[in-house]
């Protein structure tokens, strides 16, 4: 399973980078889109961590399922890499829950991305409605 996750991670990273180089260099939320693979990696690592409470693992698992599902609010199959933006918002929403119910150091421990993950999560949450679209963010949150 680890290889499958790695392949998904690498494929996502490649698609996003290619999109931003070729078409989306001016995309308003490019920095959040670039964090998508690292957020996916973080969700996987936290799901496997024995210190994370079971209730939070269920949310993490649901967020992972949302990431890999071809059917979601903004589907990658139709929208291309921009379709990962709702996945990013879901990841931040669930990670915020983990931070609030467990030790924030658990989240920091597994972060492989750049910068402060806690600041990134808060920044994404503040912009989520704008990123995903008016009203869609409420529908997504209700799923989690």
N, C-alpha and C. Protein backbone atom coordinates (compact mmCIF):
# COMPACT_ATOMS: atom_id res chain seq x y z
N UNK A 1 0.82 -1.19 0.00
CA UNK A 1 0.00 0.00 0.00
C UNK A 1 0.87 1.26 0.00
N UNK A 2 2.01 1.22 0.65
CA UNK A 2 2.90 2.38 0.70
C UNK A 2 3.31 2.81 -0.71
N UNK A 3 3.61 1.85 -1.59
CA UNK A 3 4.00 2.16 -2.97
C UNK A 3 2.84 2.83 -3.71
N UNK A 4 1.63 2.36 -3.50
CA UNK A 4 0.46 2.94 -4.15
C UNK A 4 0.29 4.40 -3.71
N UNK A 5 0.45 4.67 -2.41
CA UNK A 5 0.36 6.03 -1.91
C UNK A 5 1.46 6.89 -2.50
N UNK A 6 2.67 6.36 -2.60
CA UNK A 6 3.79 7.09 -3.17
C UNK A 6 3.52 7.43 -4.63
N UNK A 7 2.98 6.47 -5.38
CA UNK A 7 2.67 6.71 -6.78
C UNK A 7 1.61 7.80 -6.92
N UNK A 8 0.57 7.76 -6.08
CA UNK A 8 -0.47 8.77 -6.12
C UNK A 8 0.13 10.14 -5.80
N UNK A 9 0.97 10.16 -4.78
CA UNK A 9 1.64 11.40 -4.37
C UNK A 9 2.48 11.98 -5.51
N UNK A 10 3.32 11.15 -6.11
CA UNK A 10 4.19 11.61 -7.19
C UNK A 10 3.38 12.05 -8.41
N UNK A 11 2.33 11.30 -8.75
CA UNK A 11 1.49 11.64 -9.88
C UNK A 11 0.79 12.97 -9.65
N UNK A 12 0.29 13.18 -8.44
CA UNK A 12 -0.36 14.45 -8.11
C UNK A 12 0.64 15.60 -8.21
N UNK A 13 1.82 15.42 -7.65
CA UNK A 13 2.84 16.46 -7.70
C UNK A 13 3.19 16.83 -9.15
N UNK A 14 3.35 15.81 -9.98
CA UNK A 14 3.70 16.04 -11.39
C UNK A 14 2.59 16.80 -12.10
N UNK A 15 1.35 16.37 -11.93
CA UNK A 15 0.22 17.03 -12.58
C UNK A 15 0.10 18.49 -12.18
N UNK A 16 0.24 18.75 -10.90
CA UNK A 16 0.13 20.13 -10.41
C UNK A 16 1.27 20.99 -10.94
N UNK A 17 2.49 20.49 -10.86
CA UNK A 17 3.63 21.25 -11.38
C UNK A 17 3.49 21.52 -12.86
N UNK A 18 3.11 20.50 -13.63
CA UNK A 18 2.94 20.69 -15.08
C UNK A 18 1.87 21.74 -15.37
N UNK A 19 0.77 21.67 -14.66
CA UNK A 19 -0.32 22.63 -14.86
C UNK A 19 0.16 24.06 -14.57
N UNK A 20 0.82 24.23 -13.44
CA UNK A 20 1.24 25.57 -13.05
C UNK A 20 2.30 26.13 -14.00
N UNK A 21 3.17 25.28 -14.52
CA UNK A 21 4.19 25.74 -15.47
C UNK A 21 3.55 26.12 -16.81
N UNK A 22 2.64 25.28 -17.30
CA UNK A 22 2.07 25.47 -18.64
C UNK A 22 0.90 26.44 -18.68
N UNK A 23 0.00 26.34 -17.73
CA UNK A 23 -1.26 27.06 -17.84
C UNK A 23 -1.61 27.96 -16.67
N UNK A 24 -1.25 27.55 -15.49
CA UNK A 24 -1.79 28.21 -14.31
C UNK A 24 -0.82 29.03 -13.51
N UNK A 25 0.18 29.60 -14.15
CA UNK A 25 1.19 30.34 -13.39
C UNK A 25 0.60 31.53 -12.64
N UNK A 26 -0.53 32.03 -13.10
CA UNK A 26 -1.19 33.16 -12.43
C UNK A 26 -2.36 32.71 -11.57
N UNK A 27 -2.49 31.41 -11.35
CA UNK A 27 -3.61 30.90 -10.55
C UNK A 27 -3.52 31.47 -9.15
N UNK A 28 -4.60 32.07 -8.73
CA UNK A 28 -4.66 32.81 -7.46
C UNK A 28 -4.28 31.96 -6.25
N UNK A 29 -4.61 30.67 -6.28
CA UNK A 29 -4.37 29.81 -5.13
C UNK A 29 -3.26 28.79 -5.40
N UNK A 30 -2.30 29.17 -6.23
CA UNK A 30 -1.22 28.25 -6.62
C UNK A 30 -0.45 27.72 -5.41
N UNK A 31 -0.19 28.57 -4.42
CA UNK A 31 0.59 28.11 -3.27
C UNK A 31 -0.15 27.01 -2.50
N UNK A 32 -1.48 27.09 -2.47
CA UNK A 32 -2.26 26.05 -1.79
C UNK A 32 -2.31 24.78 -2.64
N UNK A 33 -2.43 24.97 -3.93
CA UNK A 33 -2.44 23.82 -4.84
C UNK A 33 -1.12 23.07 -4.76
N UNK A 34 -0.02 23.79 -4.65
CA UNK A 34 1.30 23.16 -4.52
C UNK A 34 1.43 22.35 -3.23
N UNK A 35 0.65 22.69 -2.23
CA UNK A 35 0.70 21.97 -0.95
C UNK A 35 -0.12 20.68 -0.99
N UNK A 36 -0.91 20.47 -2.01
CA UNK A 36 -1.81 19.30 -2.08
C UNK A 36 -1.08 17.98 -1.86
N UNK A 37 0.04 17.70 -2.54
CA UNK A 37 0.71 16.41 -2.31
C UNK A 37 1.23 16.26 -0.89
N UNK A 38 1.76 17.34 -0.33
CA UNK A 38 2.29 17.27 1.04
C UNK A 38 1.18 17.09 2.06
N UNK A 39 0.03 17.69 1.81
CA UNK A 39 -1.11 17.49 2.69
C UNK A 39 -1.61 16.05 2.61
N UNK A 40 -1.62 15.49 1.42
CA UNK A 40 -1.99 14.07 1.26
C UNK A 40 -1.04 13.19 2.07
N UNK A 41 0.25 13.43 1.93
CA UNK A 41 1.26 12.68 2.67
C UNK A 41 1.03 12.79 4.17
N UNK A 42 0.73 13.99 4.63
CA UNK A 42 0.48 14.22 6.05
C UNK A 42 -0.75 13.45 6.54
N UNK A 43 -1.80 13.45 5.74
CA UNK A 43 -3.00 12.69 6.11
C UNK A 43 -2.68 11.20 6.28
N UNK A 44 -1.90 10.67 5.35
CA UNK A 44 -1.51 9.24 5.41
C UNK A 44 -0.71 8.98 6.68
N UNK A 45 0.30 9.79 6.93
CA UNK A 45 1.16 9.59 8.10
C UNK A 45 0.38 9.68 9.41
N UNK A 46 -0.51 10.64 9.51
CA UNK A 46 -1.30 10.79 10.74
C UNK A 46 -2.28 9.63 10.92
N UNK A 47 -2.81 9.12 9.83
CA UNK A 47 -3.72 7.98 9.92
C UNK A 47 -3.01 6.77 10.49
N UNK A 48 -1.74 6.64 10.21
CA UNK A 48 -0.95 5.50 10.68
C UNK A 48 -0.33 5.70 12.06
N UNK A 49 -0.37 6.92 12.57
CA UNK A 49 0.26 7.24 13.86
C UNK A 49 -0.59 6.74 15.02
N UNK A 50 -0.01 5.96 15.89
CA UNK A 50 -0.74 5.37 17.04
C UNK A 50 -1.15 6.40 18.07
N UNK A 51 -0.53 7.57 18.05
CA UNK A 51 -0.85 8.60 19.03
C UNK A 51 -2.09 9.41 18.65
N UNK A 52 -2.53 9.29 17.42
CA UNK A 52 -3.71 10.05 16.98
C UNK A 52 -4.97 9.33 17.47
N UNK A 53 -5.89 10.07 18.10
CA UNK A 53 -7.13 9.47 18.60
C UNK A 53 -7.94 8.80 17.47
N UNK A 54 -8.62 7.73 17.82
CA UNK A 54 -9.38 6.94 16.85
C UNK A 54 -10.41 7.80 16.11
N UNK A 55 -11.11 8.66 16.83
CA UNK A 55 -12.13 9.51 16.19
C UNK A 55 -11.50 10.40 15.13
N UNK A 56 -10.31 10.88 15.38
CA UNK A 56 -9.62 11.73 14.41
C UNK A 56 -9.13 10.89 13.23
N UNK A 57 -8.72 9.65 13.50
CA UNK A 57 -8.30 8.77 12.41
C UNK A 57 -9.45 8.52 11.44
N UNK A 58 -10.65 8.43 11.95
CA UNK A 58 -11.82 8.25 11.08
C UNK A 58 -11.97 9.45 10.14
N UNK A 59 -11.80 10.65 10.67
CA UNK A 59 -11.87 11.86 9.85
C UNK A 59 -10.73 11.89 8.84
N UNK A 60 -9.53 11.52 9.29
CA UNK A 60 -8.38 11.48 8.39
C UNK A 60 -8.61 10.49 7.25
N UNK A 61 -9.17 9.33 7.60
CA UNK A 61 -9.48 8.33 6.58
C UNK A 61 -10.50 8.84 5.58
N UNK A 62 -11.50 9.55 6.07
CA UNK A 62 -12.51 10.13 5.18
C UNK A 62 -11.88 11.18 4.26
N UNK A 63 -10.98 11.98 4.79
CA UNK A 63 -10.30 12.98 3.97
C UNK A 63 -9.43 12.32 2.91
N UNK A 64 -8.76 11.22 3.27
CA UNK A 64 -7.96 10.48 2.28
C UNK A 64 -8.85 9.90 1.19
N UNK A 65 -10.00 9.35 1.58
CA UNK A 65 -10.93 8.81 0.60
C UNK A 65 -11.41 9.92 -0.34
N UNK A 66 -11.64 11.11 0.20
CA UNK A 66 -12.06 12.25 -0.62
C UNK A 66 -10.96 12.61 -1.62
N UNK A 67 -9.72 12.60 -1.15
CA UNK A 67 -8.58 12.90 -2.03
C UNK A 67 -8.51 11.95 -3.22
N UNK A 68 -8.63 10.67 -2.95
CA UNK A 68 -8.40 9.69 -4.03
C UNK A 68 -9.65 9.38 -4.84
N UNK A 69 -10.80 9.80 -4.37
CA UNK A 69 -12.04 9.55 -5.10
C UNK A 69 -12.09 10.39 -6.38
N UNK A 70 -12.43 9.77 -7.49
CA UNK A 70 -12.57 10.55 -8.73
C UNK A 70 -13.84 11.39 -8.74
N UNK A 71 -14.71 11.14 -7.78
CA UNK A 71 -15.98 11.88 -7.72
C UNK A 71 -15.99 12.72 -6.45
N UNK A 72 -15.87 14.02 -6.62
CA UNK A 72 -15.99 14.93 -5.50
C UNK A 72 -16.56 16.25 -6.00
N UNK A 73 -16.60 17.25 -5.16
CA UNK A 73 -17.25 18.52 -5.51
C UNK A 73 -16.58 19.19 -6.71
N UNK A 74 -15.26 19.20 -6.74
CA UNK A 74 -14.52 19.75 -7.88
C UNK A 74 -13.63 18.62 -8.41
N UNK A 75 -14.14 17.84 -9.35
CA UNK A 75 -13.42 16.64 -9.81
C UNK A 75 -12.20 16.97 -10.67
N UNK A 76 -11.10 16.28 -10.36
CA UNK A 76 -9.87 16.47 -11.12
C UNK A 76 -10.03 16.02 -12.57
N UNK A 77 -10.87 15.01 -12.80
CA UNK A 77 -11.06 14.50 -14.16
C UNK A 77 -11.62 15.57 -15.09
N UNK A 78 -12.41 16.48 -14.55
CA UNK A 78 -13.01 17.54 -15.36
C UNK A 78 -12.19 18.83 -15.28
N UNK A 79 -11.77 19.18 -14.10
CA UNK A 79 -11.10 20.46 -13.86
C UNK A 79 -9.58 20.41 -13.97
N UNK A 80 -9.02 19.22 -14.08
CA UNK A 80 -7.57 19.10 -14.08
C UNK A 80 -7.04 19.32 -12.68
N UNK A 81 -5.78 19.69 -12.57
CA UNK A 81 -5.17 19.86 -11.24
C UNK A 81 -5.87 20.88 -10.34
N UNK A 82 -6.58 21.84 -10.92
CA UNK A 82 -7.32 22.79 -10.10
C UNK A 82 -8.36 22.05 -9.25
N UNK A 83 -8.75 20.88 -9.70
CA UNK A 83 -9.71 20.07 -8.96
C UNK A 83 -9.20 19.61 -7.61
N UNK A 84 -7.91 19.73 -7.36
CA UNK A 84 -7.37 19.36 -6.05
C UNK A 84 -7.63 20.43 -4.99
N UNK A 85 -8.12 21.59 -5.40
CA UNK A 85 -8.27 22.68 -4.44
C UNK A 85 -9.30 22.34 -3.36
N UNK A 86 -10.36 21.61 -3.70
CA UNK A 86 -11.31 21.21 -2.66
C UNK A 86 -10.70 20.16 -1.76
N UNK A 87 -9.82 19.32 -2.29
CA UNK A 87 -9.12 18.32 -1.48
C UNK A 87 -8.21 19.01 -0.46
N UNK A 88 -7.57 20.08 -0.88
CA UNK A 88 -6.72 20.87 0.00
C UNK A 88 -7.55 21.46 1.14
N UNK A 89 -8.71 22.00 0.81
CA UNK A 89 -9.58 22.59 1.82
C UNK A 89 -10.06 21.52 2.81
N UNK A 90 -10.43 20.34 2.30
CA UNK A 90 -10.86 19.24 3.18
C UNK A 90 -9.71 18.83 4.10
N UNK A 91 -8.52 18.69 3.54
CA UNK A 91 -7.36 18.31 4.35
C UNK A 91 -7.14 19.31 5.47
N UNK A 92 -7.19 20.60 5.16
CA UNK A 92 -6.99 21.62 6.18
C UNK A 92 -8.07 21.56 7.25
N UNK A 93 -9.29 21.35 6.84
CA UNK A 93 -10.41 21.27 7.78
C UNK A 93 -10.22 20.11 8.76
N UNK A 94 -9.85 18.95 8.23
CA UNK A 94 -9.65 17.77 9.07
C UNK A 94 -8.39 17.93 9.92
N UNK A 95 -7.34 18.46 9.36
CA UNK A 95 -6.11 18.66 10.13
C UNK A 95 -6.33 19.65 11.27
N UNK A 96 -7.14 20.65 11.05
CA UNK A 96 -7.47 21.59 12.11
C UNK A 96 -8.17 20.87 13.27
N UNK A 97 -9.02 19.91 12.94
CA UNK A 97 -9.68 19.11 13.96
C UNK A 97 -8.67 18.29 14.76
N UNK A 98 -7.70 17.71 14.07
CA UNK A 98 -6.66 16.93 14.74
C UNK A 98 -5.84 17.82 15.67
N UNK A 99 -5.48 19.00 15.18
CA UNK A 99 -4.69 19.93 15.99
C UNK A 99 -5.46 20.33 17.25
N UNK A 100 -6.78 20.52 17.12
CA UNK A 100 -7.59 20.95 18.26
C UNK A 100 -7.89 19.84 19.26
N UNK A 101 -7.80 18.58 18.83
CA UNK A 101 -8.13 17.48 19.75
C UNK A 101 -6.92 16.67 20.19
N UNK A 102 -5.80 16.88 19.56
CA UNK A 102 -4.58 16.15 19.92
C UNK A 102 -3.43 17.15 20.02
N UNK A 103 -2.27 16.66 20.22
CA UNK A 103 -1.08 17.50 20.33
C UNK A 103 -0.70 18.03 18.94
N UNK A 104 -0.63 19.35 18.76
CA UNK A 104 -0.23 19.91 17.46
C UNK A 104 1.13 19.40 16.99
N UNK A 105 1.96 18.98 17.92
CA UNK A 105 3.28 18.45 17.55
C UNK A 105 3.16 17.17 16.72
N UNK A 106 2.06 16.42 16.89
CA UNK A 106 1.84 15.24 16.06
C UNK A 106 1.76 15.64 14.58
N UNK A 107 1.06 16.73 14.33
CA UNK A 107 0.91 17.20 12.95
C UNK A 107 2.26 17.70 12.44
N UNK A 108 2.95 18.47 13.23
CA UNK A 108 4.25 19.01 12.83
C UNK A 108 5.27 17.89 12.58
N UNK A 109 5.20 16.86 13.39
CA UNK A 109 6.16 15.75 13.30
C UNK A 109 6.14 15.08 11.92
N UNK A 110 4.98 15.00 11.32
CA UNK A 110 4.84 14.30 10.05
C UNK A 110 4.85 15.22 8.83
N UNK A 111 4.97 16.51 9.02
CA UNK A 111 4.91 17.46 7.92
C UNK A 111 6.20 17.39 7.10
N UNK A 112 6.06 17.12 5.81
CA UNK A 112 7.21 17.03 4.91
C UNK A 112 7.27 18.23 3.97
N UNK A 113 6.28 19.09 4.07
CA UNK A 113 6.23 20.25 3.19
C UNK A 113 7.05 21.41 3.71
N UNK A 114 6.95 22.51 3.00
CA UNK A 114 7.70 23.71 3.37
C UNK A 114 6.89 24.58 4.32
N UNK A 115 7.57 25.30 5.18
CA UNK A 115 6.93 26.25 6.06
C UNK A 115 6.24 25.59 7.24
N UNK A 116 5.51 26.40 7.97
CA UNK A 116 4.79 25.97 9.17
C UNK A 116 3.43 25.40 8.77
N UNK A 117 3.22 24.14 9.01
CA UNK A 117 1.98 23.49 8.61
C UNK A 117 0.77 24.07 9.33
N UNK A 118 0.94 24.47 10.58
CA UNK A 118 -0.20 25.01 11.33
C UNK A 118 -0.64 26.35 10.74
N UNK A 119 0.31 27.17 10.32
CA UNK A 119 -0.02 28.43 9.66
C UNK A 119 -0.70 28.17 8.31
N UNK A 120 -0.19 27.18 7.58
CA UNK A 120 -0.77 26.84 6.29
C UNK A 120 -2.22 26.40 6.45
N UNK A 121 -2.48 25.54 7.42
CA UNK A 121 -3.83 25.04 7.66
C UNK A 121 -4.77 26.21 7.97
N UNK A 122 -4.36 27.12 8.84
CA UNK A 122 -5.20 28.26 9.19
C UNK A 122 -5.44 29.17 7.98
N UNK A 123 -4.42 29.35 7.18
CA UNK A 123 -4.54 30.18 5.98
C UNK A 123 -5.53 29.57 4.99
N UNK A 124 -5.45 28.27 4.79
CA UNK A 124 -6.37 27.59 3.88
C UNK A 124 -7.80 27.69 4.39
N UNK A 125 -7.99 27.47 5.67
CA UNK A 125 -9.34 27.54 6.25
C UNK A 125 -9.94 28.94 6.06
N UNK A 126 -9.13 29.97 6.23
CA UNK A 126 -9.62 31.34 6.04
C UNK A 126 -10.03 31.61 4.60
N UNK A 127 -9.37 30.97 3.65
CA UNK A 127 -9.63 31.21 2.22
C UNK A 127 -10.52 30.14 1.59
N UNK A 128 -10.92 29.13 2.34
CA UNK A 128 -11.59 27.96 1.77
C UNK A 128 -12.86 28.31 0.99
N UNK A 129 -13.69 29.17 1.52
CA UNK A 129 -14.93 29.50 0.82
C UNK A 129 -14.62 30.18 -0.52
N UNK A 130 -13.64 31.04 -0.52
CA UNK A 130 -13.24 31.71 -1.76
C UNK A 130 -12.60 30.72 -2.74
N UNK A 131 -11.79 29.80 -2.22
CA UNK A 131 -11.10 28.82 -3.07
C UNK A 131 -12.08 27.85 -3.73
N UNK A 132 -13.00 27.35 -2.95
CA UNK A 132 -13.90 26.29 -3.41
C UNK A 132 -15.13 26.87 -4.10
N UNK A 133 -15.56 28.00 -3.65
CA UNK A 133 -16.75 28.61 -4.24
C UNK A 133 -17.80 28.87 -3.19
N UNK A 134 -18.53 29.89 -3.42
CA UNK A 134 -19.55 30.33 -2.48
C UNK A 134 -20.58 29.23 -2.24
N UNK A 135 -20.72 28.84 -1.01
CA UNK A 135 -21.71 27.84 -0.64
C UNK A 135 -21.21 26.41 -0.71
N UNK A 136 -20.32 26.09 -1.63
CA UNK A 136 -19.82 24.73 -1.74
C UNK A 136 -19.02 24.32 -0.51
N UNK A 137 -18.33 25.27 0.08
CA UNK A 137 -17.53 24.97 1.26
C UNK A 137 -18.42 24.48 2.40
N UNK A 138 -19.58 25.09 2.56
CA UNK A 138 -20.51 24.64 3.60
C UNK A 138 -20.95 23.20 3.35
N UNK A 139 -21.21 22.88 2.10
CA UNK A 139 -21.62 21.51 1.76
C UNK A 139 -20.50 20.51 2.05
N UNK A 140 -19.28 20.89 1.72
CA UNK A 140 -18.13 20.01 1.97
C UNK A 140 -17.94 19.79 3.46
N UNK A 141 -17.97 20.87 4.23
CA UNK A 141 -17.79 20.74 5.69
C UNK A 141 -18.86 19.84 6.29
N UNK A 142 -20.06 19.94 5.78
CA UNK A 142 -21.15 19.12 6.32
C UNK A 142 -20.88 17.63 6.10
N UNK A 143 -20.09 17.29 5.10
CA UNK A 143 -19.75 15.89 4.85
C UNK A 143 -18.78 15.36 5.89
N UNK A 144 -18.09 16.24 6.58
CA UNK A 144 -17.09 15.83 7.55
C UNK A 144 -17.49 16.23 8.96
